[in-house]
N, C-alpha and C. Protein backbone atom coordinates (compact mmCIF):
# COMPACT_ATOMS: atom_id res chain seq x y z
N UNK A 1 33.31 10.99 -0.14
CA UNK A 1 33.44 11.26 -1.55
C UNK A 1 32.73 10.13 -2.29
N UNK A 2 31.94 10.51 -3.27
CA UNK A 2 31.20 9.49 -4.00
C UNK A 2 31.99 9.03 -5.22
N UNK A 3 31.52 7.97 -5.84
CA UNK A 3 32.20 7.35 -6.97
C UNK A 3 32.30 8.30 -8.17
N UNK A 4 31.23 9.06 -8.44
CA UNK A 4 31.21 9.99 -9.57
C UNK A 4 32.28 11.07 -9.40
N UNK A 5 32.41 11.63 -8.21
CA UNK A 5 33.40 12.67 -7.92
C UNK A 5 34.81 12.11 -8.04
N UNK A 6 35.01 10.87 -7.56
CA UNK A 6 36.32 10.24 -7.62
C UNK A 6 36.75 10.00 -9.08
N UNK A 7 35.85 9.55 -9.93
CA UNK A 7 36.15 9.33 -11.34
C UNK A 7 36.46 10.65 -12.05
N UNK A 8 35.73 11.72 -11.69
CA UNK A 8 35.95 13.02 -12.30
C UNK A 8 37.35 13.53 -11.96
N UNK A 9 37.78 13.37 -10.71
CA UNK A 9 39.12 13.82 -10.30
C UNK A 9 40.21 13.02 -11.01
N UNK A 10 40.03 11.70 -11.15
CA UNK A 10 41.00 10.86 -11.86
C UNK A 10 41.11 11.28 -13.32
N UNK A 11 39.99 11.60 -13.95
CA UNK A 11 39.98 12.02 -15.35
C UNK A 11 40.73 13.34 -15.51
N UNK A 12 40.48 14.29 -14.60
CA UNK A 12 41.17 15.58 -14.66
C UNK A 12 42.67 15.39 -14.45
N UNK A 13 43.07 14.56 -13.49
CA UNK A 13 44.49 14.29 -13.24
C UNK A 13 45.15 13.65 -14.46
N UNK A 14 44.44 12.75 -15.13
CA UNK A 14 44.99 12.10 -16.32
C UNK A 14 45.20 13.10 -17.46
N UNK A 15 44.26 14.01 -17.64
CA UNK A 15 44.37 15.03 -18.69
C UNK A 15 45.56 15.95 -18.39
N UNK A 16 45.68 16.41 -17.16
CA UNK A 16 46.78 17.30 -16.77
C UNK A 16 48.12 16.58 -16.93
N UNK A 17 48.20 15.34 -16.49
CA UNK A 17 49.45 14.57 -16.62
C UNK A 17 49.82 14.38 -18.09
N UNK A 18 48.85 14.08 -18.92
CA UNK A 18 49.11 13.92 -20.35
C UNK A 18 49.61 15.21 -20.99
N UNK A 19 49.02 16.34 -20.60
CA UNK A 19 49.46 17.63 -21.14
C UNK A 19 50.89 17.94 -20.71
N UNK A 20 51.23 17.61 -19.47
CA UNK A 20 52.60 17.83 -19.00
C UNK A 20 53.60 16.96 -19.75
N UNK A 21 53.24 15.72 -20.00
CA UNK A 21 54.14 14.81 -20.72
C UNK A 21 54.35 15.30 -22.15
N UNK A 22 53.27 15.71 -22.84
CA UNK A 22 53.39 16.22 -24.21
C UNK A 22 54.27 17.47 -24.22
N UNK A 23 54.19 18.31 -23.20
CA UNK A 23 55.01 19.52 -23.11
C UNK A 23 56.49 19.24 -22.98
N UNK A 24 56.86 18.01 -22.58
CA UNK A 24 58.26 17.66 -22.44
C UNK A 24 58.92 17.26 -23.75
N UNK A 25 58.13 16.97 -24.79
CA UNK A 25 58.70 16.58 -26.08
C UNK A 25 59.36 17.79 -26.73
N UNK A 26 60.52 17.60 -27.36
CA UNK A 26 61.20 18.74 -27.99
C UNK A 26 60.44 19.26 -29.21
N UNK A 27 60.64 20.57 -29.48
CA UNK A 27 60.05 21.19 -30.65
C UNK A 27 60.85 20.73 -31.86
N UNK A 28 60.21 20.59 -32.99
CA UNK A 28 60.91 20.12 -34.18
C UNK A 28 61.99 21.11 -34.60
N UNK A 29 63.00 20.62 -35.31
CA UNK A 29 64.10 21.46 -35.77
C UNK A 29 63.61 22.57 -36.70
N UNK A 30 62.56 22.32 -37.46
CA UNK A 30 62.08 23.34 -38.38
C UNK A 30 61.55 24.56 -37.63
N UNK A 31 61.01 24.37 -36.44
CA UNK A 31 60.53 25.51 -35.66
C UNK A 31 61.70 26.24 -35.01
N UNK A 32 62.77 25.54 -34.69
CA UNK A 32 63.91 26.15 -34.03
C UNK A 32 64.74 26.99 -35.00
N UNK A 33 64.84 26.56 -36.26
CA UNK A 33 65.63 27.28 -37.26
C UNK A 33 64.71 27.66 -38.41
N UNK A 34 64.13 28.86 -38.34
CA UNK A 34 63.22 29.27 -39.40
C UNK A 34 63.94 29.53 -40.71
N UNK A 35 63.17 29.61 -41.76
CA UNK A 35 63.72 29.92 -43.07
C UNK A 35 64.32 31.32 -43.06
N UNK A 36 65.48 31.45 -43.67
CA UNK A 36 66.17 32.73 -43.73
C UNK A 36 65.37 33.67 -44.63
N UNK A 37 65.14 34.92 -44.23
CA UNK A 37 64.39 35.86 -45.07
C UNK A 37 65.08 36.10 -46.42
N UNK A 38 64.29 36.23 -47.48
CA UNK A 38 64.86 36.50 -48.81
C UNK A 38 64.57 37.92 -49.27
N UNK A 39 63.75 38.66 -48.54
CA UNK A 39 63.51 40.07 -48.81
C UNK A 39 63.23 40.78 -47.50
N UNK A 40 63.41 42.09 -47.50
CA UNK A 40 63.10 42.90 -46.33
C UNK A 40 64.33 43.61 -45.80
N UNK A 41 64.10 44.47 -44.81
CA UNK A 41 65.17 45.25 -44.21
C UNK A 41 65.20 45.00 -42.72
N UNK A 42 66.42 44.94 -42.19
CA UNK A 42 66.57 44.79 -40.75
C UNK A 42 67.58 45.81 -40.24
N UNK A 43 67.38 46.26 -39.02
CA UNK A 43 68.31 47.18 -38.37
C UNK A 43 69.34 46.35 -37.62
N UNK A 44 70.61 46.71 -37.79
CA UNK A 44 71.70 45.89 -37.26
C UNK A 44 72.58 46.71 -36.32
N UNK A 45 73.03 46.06 -35.26
CA UNK A 45 74.06 46.61 -34.39
C UNK A 45 75.08 45.52 -34.17
N UNK A 46 76.34 45.80 -34.49
CA UNK A 46 77.43 44.84 -34.31
C UNK A 46 78.57 45.55 -33.59
N UNK A 47 79.15 44.89 -32.60
CA UNK A 47 80.20 45.48 -31.79
C UNK A 47 81.40 44.54 -31.70
N UNK A 48 82.60 45.12 -31.83
CA UNK A 48 83.83 44.35 -31.68
C UNK A 48 84.15 44.22 -30.19
N UNK A 49 84.69 43.08 -29.77
CA UNK A 49 85.07 42.93 -28.36
C UNK A 49 86.32 43.75 -28.06
N UNK A 50 86.44 44.19 -26.83
CA UNK A 50 87.62 44.93 -26.40
C UNK A 50 88.08 44.31 -25.08
N UNK A 51 89.18 43.55 -25.10
CA UNK A 51 89.68 42.95 -23.86
C UNK A 51 90.05 44.01 -22.83
N UNK A 52 89.82 43.72 -21.58
CA UNK A 52 90.13 44.64 -20.48
C UNK A 52 91.62 44.98 -20.51
N UNK A 53 91.93 46.27 -20.41
CA UNK A 53 93.31 46.71 -20.37
C UNK A 53 93.97 46.92 -21.71
N UNK A 54 93.26 46.57 -22.80
CA UNK A 54 93.83 46.73 -24.13
C UNK A 54 93.44 48.09 -24.71
N UNK A 55 94.24 48.60 -25.62
CA UNK A 55 93.88 49.81 -26.33
C UNK A 55 93.33 49.42 -27.69
N UNK A 56 92.55 50.29 -28.26
CA UNK A 56 91.93 50.04 -29.55
C UNK A 56 92.11 51.30 -30.38
N UNK A 57 93.01 51.32 -31.34
CA UNK A 57 93.32 52.55 -32.06
C UNK A 57 92.27 52.95 -33.09
N UNK A 58 92.13 54.26 -33.30
CA UNK A 58 91.21 54.79 -34.31
C UNK A 58 91.65 54.44 -35.72
N UNK A 59 92.87 53.96 -35.87
CA UNK A 59 93.34 53.62 -37.21
C UNK A 59 92.74 52.31 -37.70
N UNK A 60 92.04 51.58 -36.83
CA UNK A 60 91.38 50.33 -37.24
C UNK A 60 90.16 50.62 -38.08
N UNK A 61 89.40 49.57 -38.38
CA UNK A 61 88.23 49.71 -39.25
C UNK A 61 86.97 50.04 -38.49
N UNK A 62 87.04 50.18 -37.17
CA UNK A 62 85.88 50.60 -36.40
C UNK A 62 85.65 49.77 -35.17
N UNK A 63 84.90 50.32 -34.22
CA UNK A 63 84.58 49.61 -32.98
C UNK A 63 83.18 49.00 -33.05
N UNK A 64 82.19 49.80 -33.47
CA UNK A 64 80.87 49.21 -33.64
C UNK A 64 80.20 49.78 -34.88
N UNK A 65 79.19 49.07 -35.33
CA UNK A 65 78.53 49.43 -36.57
C UNK A 65 77.02 49.41 -36.37
N UNK A 66 76.38 50.50 -36.75
CA UNK A 66 74.93 50.60 -36.80
C UNK A 66 74.58 50.60 -38.28
N UNK A 67 73.68 49.73 -38.70
CA UNK A 67 73.43 49.61 -40.14
C UNK A 67 72.00 49.15 -40.40
N UNK A 68 71.61 49.32 -41.65
CA UNK A 68 70.37 48.74 -42.17
C UNK A 68 70.78 47.81 -43.30
N UNK A 69 70.38 46.55 -43.18
CA UNK A 69 70.63 45.57 -44.22
C UNK A 69 69.34 45.45 -45.03
N UNK A 70 69.45 45.70 -46.33
CA UNK A 70 68.31 45.57 -47.24
C UNK A 70 68.51 44.30 -48.06
N UNK A 71 67.77 43.25 -47.72
CA UNK A 71 67.87 41.99 -48.45
C UNK A 71 66.92 42.07 -49.64
N UNK A 72 67.47 41.98 -50.85
CA UNK A 72 66.65 42.12 -52.05
C UNK A 72 66.34 40.79 -52.72
N UNK A 73 67.12 39.76 -52.41
CA UNK A 73 66.86 38.41 -52.93
C UNK A 73 67.58 37.41 -52.02
N UNK A 74 67.51 36.15 -52.37
CA UNK A 74 68.18 35.13 -51.56
C UNK A 74 69.69 35.25 -51.64
N UNK A 75 70.22 36.00 -52.63
CA UNK A 75 71.68 36.06 -52.81
C UNK A 75 72.25 37.48 -52.84
N UNK A 76 71.41 38.50 -52.77
CA UNK A 76 71.92 39.88 -52.85
C UNK A 76 71.22 40.80 -51.87
N UNK A 77 71.88 41.93 -51.64
CA UNK A 77 71.32 42.96 -50.80
C UNK A 77 72.21 44.18 -50.81
N UNK A 78 71.87 45.16 -49.98
CA UNK A 78 72.70 46.34 -49.80
C UNK A 78 72.81 46.65 -48.32
N UNK A 79 73.76 47.50 -47.99
CA UNK A 79 74.04 47.85 -46.60
C UNK A 79 74.22 49.36 -46.51
N UNK A 80 73.48 50.00 -45.61
CA UNK A 80 73.67 51.40 -45.26
C UNK A 80 74.24 51.39 -43.85
N UNK A 81 75.39 52.03 -43.64
CA UNK A 81 76.02 51.89 -42.32
C UNK A 81 76.63 53.16 -41.78
N UNK A 82 76.83 53.14 -40.47
CA UNK A 82 77.53 54.17 -39.73
C UNK A 82 78.46 53.43 -38.77
N UNK A 83 79.76 53.63 -38.93
CA UNK A 83 80.74 52.94 -38.10
C UNK A 83 81.36 53.93 -37.12
N UNK A 84 81.32 53.61 -35.84
CA UNK A 84 81.97 54.42 -34.82
C UNK A 84 83.40 53.94 -34.65
N UNK A 85 84.32 54.89 -34.71
CA UNK A 85 85.73 54.56 -34.49
C UNK A 85 86.15 55.18 -33.17
N UNK A 86 86.72 54.35 -32.30
CA UNK A 86 87.06 54.79 -30.95
C UNK A 86 88.51 54.44 -30.65
N UNK A 87 89.20 55.35 -29.98
CA UNK A 87 90.53 55.10 -29.48
C UNK A 87 90.41 54.91 -27.96
N UNK A 88 90.67 53.70 -27.49
CA UNK A 88 90.63 53.43 -26.05
C UNK A 88 92.03 53.55 -25.50
N UNK A 89 92.18 54.34 -24.44
CA UNK A 89 93.48 54.51 -23.78
C UNK A 89 93.24 54.58 -22.28
N UNK A 90 94.29 54.55 -21.52
CA UNK A 90 94.16 54.60 -20.06
C UNK A 90 93.54 55.91 -19.60
N UNK A 91 93.62 56.95 -20.42
CA UNK A 91 93.02 58.24 -20.07
C UNK A 91 91.55 58.33 -20.44
N UNK A 92 91.03 57.28 -21.11
CA UNK A 92 89.62 57.25 -21.50
C UNK A 92 89.45 57.14 -22.99
N UNK A 93 88.23 56.92 -23.45
CA UNK A 93 88.00 56.75 -24.89
C UNK A 93 87.90 58.10 -25.61
N UNK A 94 88.34 58.10 -26.85
CA UNK A 94 88.19 59.25 -27.73
C UNK A 94 87.47 58.76 -28.98
N UNK A 95 86.38 59.46 -29.34
CA UNK A 95 85.60 59.05 -30.51
C UNK A 95 86.04 59.86 -31.71
N UNK A 96 86.29 59.19 -32.81
CA UNK A 96 86.70 59.82 -34.06
C UNK A 96 85.48 60.06 -34.93
N UNK A 97 85.63 60.76 -36.03
CA UNK A 97 84.54 61.00 -36.97
C UNK A 97 84.01 59.67 -37.49
N UNK A 98 82.69 59.46 -37.46
CA UNK A 98 82.14 58.19 -37.94
C UNK A 98 82.40 57.99 -39.42
N UNK A 99 82.45 56.74 -39.82
CA UNK A 99 82.55 56.35 -41.23
C UNK A 99 81.13 56.01 -41.67
N UNK A 100 80.67 56.66 -42.73
CA UNK A 100 79.31 56.42 -43.20
C UNK A 100 79.32 56.06 -44.67
N UNK A 101 78.43 55.14 -45.05
CA UNK A 101 78.31 54.74 -46.46
C UNK A 101 76.92 54.16 -46.67
N UNK A 102 76.41 54.33 -47.88
CA UNK A 102 75.08 53.82 -48.22
C UNK A 102 75.14 52.95 -49.47
N UNK A 103 74.20 52.04 -49.56
CA UNK A 103 74.00 51.17 -50.73
C UNK A 103 75.25 50.35 -51.09
N UNK A 104 75.94 49.86 -50.08
CA UNK A 104 77.09 48.97 -50.30
C UNK A 104 76.54 47.61 -50.73
N UNK A 105 76.95 47.08 -51.88
CA UNK A 105 76.46 45.77 -52.31
C UNK A 105 76.87 44.66 -51.35
N UNK A 106 75.93 43.76 -51.06
CA UNK A 106 76.17 42.62 -50.18
C UNK A 106 75.86 41.34 -50.95
N UNK A 107 76.77 40.38 -50.86
CA UNK A 107 76.54 39.05 -51.44
C UNK A 107 76.13 38.12 -50.31
N UNK A 108 75.04 37.40 -50.50
CA UNK A 108 74.52 36.47 -49.50
C UNK A 108 74.69 35.06 -50.04
N UNK A 109 75.30 34.18 -49.24
CA UNK A 109 75.51 32.80 -49.67
C UNK A 109 75.25 31.86 -48.50
N UNK A 110 75.02 30.61 -48.80
CA UNK A 110 74.85 29.59 -47.76
C UNK A 110 76.21 29.25 -47.17
N UNK A 111 76.25 29.03 -45.85
CA UNK A 111 77.49 28.57 -45.23
C UNK A 111 77.79 27.14 -45.62
N UNK A 112 76.77 26.42 -46.04
CA UNK A 112 76.95 25.04 -46.46
C UNK A 112 77.29 24.13 -45.29
N UNK A 113 78.03 23.08 -45.58
CA UNK A 113 78.36 22.07 -44.58
C UNK A 113 79.25 22.60 -43.46
N UNK A 114 79.91 23.73 -43.69
CA UNK A 114 80.83 24.26 -42.68
C UNK A 114 80.12 24.96 -41.54
N UNK A 115 78.83 25.23 -41.66
CA UNK A 115 78.12 25.97 -40.63
C UNK A 115 76.84 25.31 -40.21
N UNK A 116 76.12 25.93 -39.28
CA UNK A 116 74.84 25.38 -38.84
C UNK A 116 73.83 25.36 -39.99
N UNK A 117 72.89 24.46 -39.93
CA UNK A 117 71.85 24.35 -40.95
C UNK A 117 71.12 25.67 -41.10
N UNK A 118 70.99 26.14 -42.33
CA UNK A 118 70.27 27.38 -42.60
C UNK A 118 71.09 28.64 -42.44
N UNK A 119 72.33 28.55 -41.99
CA UNK A 119 73.16 29.74 -41.79
C UNK A 119 73.64 30.28 -43.13
N UNK A 120 73.86 31.59 -43.17
CA UNK A 120 74.30 32.29 -44.38
C UNK A 120 75.58 33.07 -44.09
N UNK A 121 76.24 33.52 -45.14
CA UNK A 121 77.33 34.49 -45.02
C UNK A 121 76.93 35.73 -45.79
N UNK A 122 77.27 36.89 -45.22
CA UNK A 122 77.10 38.18 -45.88
C UNK A 122 78.51 38.69 -46.15
N UNK A 123 78.80 39.07 -47.38
CA UNK A 123 80.12 39.60 -47.72
C UNK A 123 79.94 40.96 -48.39
N UNK A 124 80.74 41.94 -47.94
CA UNK A 124 80.70 43.28 -48.54
C UNK A 124 82.08 43.91 -48.43
N UNK A 125 82.29 44.98 -49.19
CA UNK A 125 83.55 45.72 -49.16
C UNK A 125 83.44 46.81 -48.11
N UNK A 126 84.38 46.82 -47.17
CA UNK A 126 84.40 47.83 -46.11
C UNK A 126 84.70 49.19 -46.72
N UNK A 127 84.04 50.26 -46.26
CA UNK A 127 84.31 51.59 -46.82
C UNK A 127 85.77 52.03 -46.66
N UNK A 128 86.48 51.49 -45.69
CA UNK A 128 87.89 51.83 -45.50
C UNK A 128 88.82 50.85 -46.19
N UNK A 129 88.26 49.92 -46.96
CA UNK A 129 89.07 48.95 -47.70
C UNK A 129 88.97 47.54 -47.16
N UNK A 130 89.13 46.60 -48.03
CA UNK A 130 89.09 45.20 -47.65
C UNK A 130 87.68 44.63 -47.65
N UNK A 131 87.62 43.33 -47.62
CA UNK A 131 86.36 42.61 -47.63
C UNK A 131 85.98 42.19 -46.22
N UNK A 132 84.69 42.25 -45.91
CA UNK A 132 84.17 41.80 -44.62
C UNK A 132 83.18 40.67 -44.87
N UNK A 133 83.34 39.58 -44.15
CA UNK A 133 82.37 38.48 -44.21
C UNK A 133 81.85 38.25 -42.80
N UNK A 134 80.54 38.15 -42.71
CA UNK A 134 79.94 37.82 -41.42
C UNK A 134 79.01 36.64 -41.60
N UNK A 135 78.89 35.85 -40.55
CA UNK A 135 77.99 34.70 -40.54
C UNK A 135 76.67 35.16 -39.95
N UNK A 136 75.58 34.60 -40.45
CA UNK A 136 74.25 35.01 -40.01
C UNK A 136 73.33 33.80 -39.94
N UNK A 137 72.48 33.79 -38.91
CA UNK A 137 71.49 32.72 -38.79
C UNK A 137 70.18 33.32 -38.29
N UNK A 138 69.07 32.92 -38.88
CA UNK A 138 67.75 33.43 -38.53
C UNK A 138 67.21 32.71 -37.30
N UNK A 139 66.60 33.48 -36.41
CA UNK A 139 65.93 32.95 -35.22
C UNK A 139 64.62 33.73 -35.02
N UNK A 140 63.87 33.38 -34.01
CA UNK A 140 62.62 34.07 -33.67
C UNK A 140 61.65 34.16 -34.86
N UNK A 141 61.46 33.03 -35.52
CA UNK A 141 60.52 32.98 -36.62
C UNK A 141 61.00 33.75 -37.85
N UNK A 142 62.29 34.01 -37.94
CA UNK A 142 62.85 34.75 -39.06
C UNK A 142 62.84 36.25 -38.86
N UNK A 143 62.42 36.74 -37.68
CA UNK A 143 62.38 38.18 -37.44
C UNK A 143 63.68 38.74 -36.88
N UNK A 144 64.60 37.85 -36.52
CA UNK A 144 65.89 38.27 -35.96
C UNK A 144 66.99 37.47 -36.64
N UNK A 145 68.10 38.14 -36.95
CA UNK A 145 69.28 37.46 -37.48
C UNK A 145 70.43 37.68 -36.50
N UNK A 146 71.01 36.59 -36.04
CA UNK A 146 72.20 36.68 -35.18
C UNK A 146 73.42 36.76 -36.07
N UNK A 147 74.38 37.63 -35.70
CA UNK A 147 75.55 37.89 -36.54
C UNK A 147 76.84 37.53 -35.82
N UNK A 148 77.80 37.04 -36.59
CA UNK A 148 79.12 36.70 -36.06
C UNK A 148 80.13 37.10 -37.12
N UNK A 149 81.11 37.91 -36.73
CA UNK A 149 82.14 38.30 -37.67
C UNK A 149 83.01 37.11 -38.03
N UNK A 150 83.22 36.91 -39.32
CA UNK A 150 84.10 35.84 -39.77
C UNK A 150 85.50 36.38 -40.07
N UNK A 151 85.56 37.56 -40.69
CA UNK A 151 86.85 38.15 -41.02
C UNK A 151 87.28 39.21 -40.00
N UNK A 152 86.36 39.79 -39.29
CA UNK A 152 86.62 40.77 -38.22
C UNK A 152 85.93 40.25 -36.95
N UNK A 153 86.55 40.44 -35.77
CA UNK A 153 85.94 39.90 -34.54
C UNK A 153 84.80 40.80 -34.03
N UNK A 154 83.57 40.46 -34.39
CA UNK A 154 82.43 41.20 -33.84
C UNK A 154 81.24 40.28 -33.74
N UNK A 155 80.25 40.72 -32.97
CA UNK A 155 78.99 39.99 -32.88
C UNK A 155 77.88 41.02 -32.84
N UNK A 156 76.70 40.59 -33.23
CA UNK A 156 75.58 41.52 -33.23
C UNK A 156 74.28 40.85 -33.60
N UNK A 157 73.29 41.68 -33.86
CA UNK A 157 71.95 41.20 -34.16
C UNK A 157 71.34 42.14 -35.20
N UNK A 158 70.48 41.60 -36.05
CA UNK A 158 69.75 42.38 -37.04
C UNK A 158 68.28 42.06 -36.86
N UNK A 159 67.48 43.07 -36.56
CA UNK A 159 66.07 42.87 -36.23
C UNK A 159 65.17 43.41 -37.34
N UNK A 160 64.27 42.55 -37.84
CA UNK A 160 63.30 42.98 -38.86
C UNK A 160 62.15 43.69 -38.20
């Protein structure tokens, strides 16, 4: 092996090693938590947990929700939804008539110091009565919102 070839290999190894080291540095927090969308619509699916062996009566407010969230500003929006109500029993599940509603007003607010940076709360009136608040945080460059029930036990995702 000649001197020129040896220097070329060392240079290539140095470049590859440098690229690997740079790849180990963490991504900045701003890339990990994108800005929360202030306009647009996302399709949402949220499901309540059901512990093994437990029953879930149709008299509740629902088992899962399929919805479209229309964000109209940083603080307001609307919700079009379809809620499936299920009665779970040892004999199997029974599905009740879905609850449907459109253009339900949604209030959007910052979680503030009580939640993760950039997280929001969505609050709306449930079609069967009472207020529902869910926590939301934007991920995937703002194209996905992760959801967590604050007043009702559910989790889900809203995809733009």
